[in-house]
Amino acid sequence: MDEGISRLPERQLLEHRDFIGLDYPALYMCKPKRGVKRDESKETYKLPHRLIEKKRRDRINECIAQLKDLLPEHLKLTTLGHLEKAVVLELTLKHLKALTALTEQQHQKIIALQNGKRGL
């Protein structure tokens, strides 16, 4: 009865050496199957997870560096020495709040001028 059905090869777990030299974006969606025990799959997914985390940290660091470059010089000079990541984020928030307040003031002035012209 099974003679007409060809046998599928059994799945094999990949080892650390199997990942060397591979392009990792295709591995972003790696998740263990329900039937595979966690201990068996732990080593299989450890390396891609590390690479995914490294890429995530690199993206965060790159964005913080760009924010640092966008900050006005007078804000950068308010701190002594090296700007830590948390300080860059705090200064960015401070600057954005100041810009938002300034934009709101200008918007209110425009509305007041428009209302003044209509009254004349």
Protein backbone atom coordinates (compact mmCIF):
# COMPACT_ATOMS: atom_id res chain seq x y z
CA MET A 1 0.00 0.00 0.00
CA ASP A 2 2.88 2.44 0.76
CA GLU A 3 4.88 1.25 -2.24
CA GLY A 4 3.54 4.02 -4.55
CA ILE A 5 4.33 6.81 -2.06
CA SER A 6 7.89 8.04 -2.03
CA ARG A 7 9.46 8.63 1.39
CA LEU A 8 10.32 12.18 2.29
CA PRO A 9 13.74 12.76 3.82
CA GLU A 10 13.66 13.38 7.57
CA ARG A 11 14.32 16.92 8.75
CA GLN A 12 17.75 17.52 10.13
CA LEU A 13 18.67 20.17 12.67
CA LEU A 14 21.26 22.64 11.50
CA GLU A 15 24.42 23.06 13.49
CA HIS A 16 26.53 26.15 14.11
CA ARG A 17 28.88 25.31 11.23
CA ASP A 18 25.90 25.14 8.84
CA PHE A 19 25.30 28.89 9.31
CA ILE A 20 28.83 30.06 8.51
CA GLY A 21 28.89 32.11 5.32
CA LEU A 22 25.09 32.26 4.93
CA ASP A 23 23.06 35.36 4.24
CA TYR A 24 20.91 35.79 7.34
CA PRO A 25 17.90 37.92 6.28
CA ALA A 26 16.13 34.74 5.19
CA LEU A 27 16.49 33.41 8.73
CA TYR A 28 14.59 36.22 10.45
CA MET A 29 11.43 34.14 10.71
CA CYS A 30 13.12 31.10 12.27
CA LYS A 31 10.98 29.62 15.00
CA PRO A 32 11.00 26.11 16.36
CA LYS A 33 8.18 23.83 15.29
CA ARG A 34 5.80 22.58 17.95
CA GLY A 35 6.89 18.99 17.52
CA VAL A 36 10.57 19.75 18.12
CA LYS A 37 11.75 19.71 21.71
CA ARG A 38 13.12 23.01 22.93
CA ASP A 39 16.47 21.57 23.98
CA GLU A 40 17.09 20.11 20.53
CA SER A 41 16.28 23.34 18.73
CA LYS A 42 18.06 25.69 21.14
CA GLU A 43 21.43 25.52 19.39
CA THR A 44 19.78 25.71 15.97
CA TYR A 45 18.29 29.12 16.64
CA LYS A 46 20.94 30.61 18.92
CA LEU A 47 23.17 31.99 16.14
CA PRO A 48 20.42 33.59 14.01
CA HIS A 49 18.95 35.11 17.18
CA ARG A 50 22.30 36.66 18.06
CA LEU A 51 22.65 38.09 14.57
CA ILE A 52 19.11 39.46 14.60
CA GLU A 53 19.76 41.12 17.96
CA LYS A 54 23.07 42.55 16.72
CA LYS A 55 21.36 44.04 13.67
CA ARG A 56 18.64 45.50 15.90
CA ARG A 57 21.22 47.09 18.21
CA ASP A 58 23.15 48.40 15.19
CA ARG A 59 19.98 50.04 13.83
CA ILE A 60 19.26 51.64 17.21
CA ASN A 61 22.82 52.93 17.49
CA GLU A 62 22.71 54.31 13.95
CA CYS A 63 19.47 56.18 14.66
CA ILE A 64 20.88 57.63 17.87
CA ALA A 65 23.99 58.77 15.98
CA GLN A 66 21.77 60.48 13.39
CA LEU A 67 19.77 62.18 16.14
CA LYS A 68 23.02 63.38 17.68
CA ASP A 69 24.06 64.90 14.34
CA LEU A 70 20.69 66.66 14.00
CA LEU A 71 20.86 68.28 17.42
CA PRO A 72 21.78 71.99 17.48
CA GLU A 73 25.29 72.71 18.70
CA HIS A 74 24.13 74.74 21.71
CA LEU A 75 22.36 71.67 23.09
CA LYS A 76 25.39 69.47 22.55
CA LEU A 77 27.53 71.95 24.48
CA THR A 78 25.27 71.79 27.55
CA THR A 79 26.86 68.45 28.47
CA LEU A 80 30.47 67.85 29.32
CA GLY A 81 32.39 65.41 27.17
CA HIS A 82 30.88 62.41 25.43
CA LEU A 83 27.14 62.37 24.78
CA GLU A 84 25.68 59.13 26.07
CA LYS A 85 22.80 57.52 24.20
CA ALA A 86 20.31 58.38 26.94
CA VAL A 87 21.49 62.01 26.95
CA VAL A 88 21.10 62.21 23.16
CA LEU A 89 17.54 60.94 23.48
CA GLU A 90 16.77 63.39 26.32
CA LEU A 91 18.19 66.34 24.39
CA THR A 92 16.24 65.29 21.30
CA LEU A 93 13.01 65.24 23.30
CA LYS A 94 13.81 68.63 24.81
CA HIS A 95 14.50 70.07 21.36
CA LEU A 96 11.34 68.57 19.84
CA LYS A 97 9.22 69.97 22.68
CA ALA A 98 10.76 73.41 22.15
CA LEU A 99 10.11 73.22 18.40
CA THR A 100 6.53 72.10 19.00
CA ALA A 101 5.92 75.01 21.38
CA LEU A 102 7.45 77.46 18.88
CA THR A 103 5.32 76.07 16.06
CA GLU A 104 2.20 76.39 18.20
CA GLN A 105 3.04 80.03 19.03
CA GLN A 106 3.54 80.84 15.36
CA HIS A 107 0.26 79.11 14.50
CA GLN A 108 -1.56 81.19 17.11
CA LYS A 109 -0.01 84.41 15.72
CA ILE A 110 -1.12 83.49 12.20
CA ILE A 111 -4.66 82.86 13.42
CA ALA A 112 -4.65 86.17 15.32
CA LEU A 113 -3.44 88.05 12.22
CA GLN A 114 -6.06 86.38 10.06
CA ASN A 115 -8.79 87.25 12.54
CA GLY A 116 -7.47 90.85 12.73
CA LYS A 117 -7.66 91.28 8.96
CA ARG A 118 -11.18 89.94 8.88
CA GLY A 119 -12.22 92.41 11.57
CA LEU A 120 -10.97 95.35 9.47
